[in-house]
Amino acid sequence: MRVKIISERCIACGLCHLEAPHIFDYDDAGIVRFYGSSVKQKLEQTELLSSVKQKLEQTELAETNELEQEIPPAEEKQAGSAVKKCPTAALKASNH
């Protein structure tokens, strides 16, 4: 499953974070974004070279603001719940 954030629709209500706290986070204005650690987890899962991991750690991936992301299968249920409960349709899910 892929989830897309339509940030201009976000009203910072917090429902997505309550439903899927390991997937969704907020920027300084309270607008939804993907939680940065999931990017780090993906890097570890693909077993990239340690030098590449160190360089990416230094660029502070926690500050990422990607608008579309692949959701790991183990987190699809939570992500789907967040998408359904979003009152402004700021989250859209697709099957690739």
Protein backbone atom coordinates (compact mmCIF):
# COMPACT_ATOMS: atom_id res chain seq x y z
CA MET A 1 0.00 0.00 0.00
CA ARG A 2 1.12 3.52 -0.79
CA VAL A 3 -0.14 6.55 1.11
CA LYS A 4 -0.06 10.08 -0.24
CA ILE A 5 -0.31 13.17 1.95
CA ILE A 6 -2.21 16.14 0.58
CA SER A 7 -0.83 18.64 3.06
CA GLU A 8 -2.99 21.58 1.99
CA ARG A 9 -6.06 19.62 3.19
CA CYS A 10 -4.61 18.84 6.63
CA ILE A 11 -6.27 20.64 9.57
CA ALA A 12 -3.85 19.23 12.19
CA CYS A 13 -6.57 17.31 14.05
CA GLY A 14 -4.18 14.50 15.05
CA LEU A 15 -6.35 11.50 14.11
CA CYS A 16 -3.79 10.01 11.75
CA HIS A 17 -1.09 10.12 14.41
CA LEU A 18 -3.42 8.51 16.95
CA GLU A 19 -4.21 5.68 14.54
CA ALA A 20 -0.70 5.15 13.20
CA PRO A 21 1.92 6.86 15.39
CA HIS A 22 4.81 4.99 13.76
CA ILE A 23 3.82 6.27 10.33
CA PHE A 24 2.57 9.84 10.78
CA ASP A 25 4.18 12.81 12.50
CA TYR A 26 3.74 16.60 12.30
CA ASP A 27 5.80 19.55 11.23
CA ASP A 28 6.17 22.71 13.33
CA ALA A 29 2.82 24.01 12.05
CA GLY A 30 1.03 20.79 13.01
CA ILE A 31 0.62 19.59 9.42
CA VAL A 32 0.93 15.85 8.85
CA ARG A 33 4.09 14.32 7.43
CA PHE A 34 5.60 10.84 7.42
CA TYR A 35 7.49 9.87 10.52
CA GLY A 36 11.20 10.03 9.66
CA SER A 37 12.27 6.83 11.39
CA SER A 38 10.38 4.68 8.89
CA VAL A 39 12.83 5.88 6.23
CA LYS A 40 15.71 4.81 8.47
CA GLN A 41 14.09 1.40 9.03
CA LYS A 42 13.78 0.88 5.28
CA LEU A 43 17.48 1.63 4.86
CA GLU A 44 18.35 -0.95 7.48
CA GLN A 45 16.04 -3.53 5.90
CA THR A 46 17.71 -3.18 2.52
CA GLU A 47 21.14 -3.65 4.12
CA LEU A 48 22.82 -0.64 2.55
CA LEU A 49 26.52 -0.16 3.13
CA SER A 50 27.33 1.26 6.56
CA SER A 51 29.08 4.28 5.06
CA VAL A 52 25.89 5.22 3.19
CA LYS A 53 23.85 4.77 6.39
CA GLN A 54 26.22 7.04 8.31
CA LYS A 55 26.02 9.74 5.67
CA LEU A 56 22.22 9.59 5.65
CA GLU A 57 22.12 9.75 9.45
CA GLN A 58 24.13 12.95 9.26
CA THR A 59 21.55 14.52 6.91
CA GLU A 60 18.88 14.08 9.60
CA LEU A 61 16.29 11.99 7.82
CA ALA A 62 13.88 12.66 10.67
CA GLU A 63 13.24 16.00 8.98
CA THR A 64 12.02 14.40 5.77
CA ASN A 65 8.79 15.74 4.30
CA GLU A 66 8.04 13.29 1.52
CA LEU A 67 4.46 13.41 0.34
CA GLU A 68 4.11 9.78 -0.77
CA GLN A 69 5.46 6.65 0.84
CA GLU A 70 5.22 2.88 0.65
CA ILE A 71 3.74 1.46 3.86
CA PRO A 72 5.25 -1.78 5.19
CA PRO A 73 2.75 -4.69 5.17
CA ALA A 74 2.82 -4.96 8.98
CA GLU A 75 1.59 -1.34 9.27
CA GLU A 76 -1.04 -1.35 6.49
CA LYS A 77 -3.98 -1.89 8.85
CA GLN A 78 -3.06 1.13 10.98
CA ALA A 79 -2.35 3.29 7.93
CA GLY A 80 -5.65 2.27 6.34
CA SER A 81 -7.50 3.21 9.51
CA ALA A 82 -5.82 6.62 9.54
CA VAL A 83 -6.76 7.20 5.89
CA LYS A 84 -10.41 6.29 6.54
CA LYS A 85 -10.69 8.47 9.65
CA CYS A 86 -9.10 11.61 8.17
CA PRO A 87 -11.96 14.15 8.17
CA THR A 88 -10.54 16.21 5.29
CA ALA A 89 -9.23 13.42 3.03
CA ALA A 90 -5.67 14.70 3.46
CA LEU A 91 -4.48 11.07 3.19
CA LYS A 92 -5.03 8.89 0.11
CA ALA A 93 -4.22 5.20 -0.12
CA SER A 94 -3.52 3.16 -3.23
CA ASN A 95 -2.40 -0.35 -3.98
CA HIS A 96 0.80 0.64 -5.83
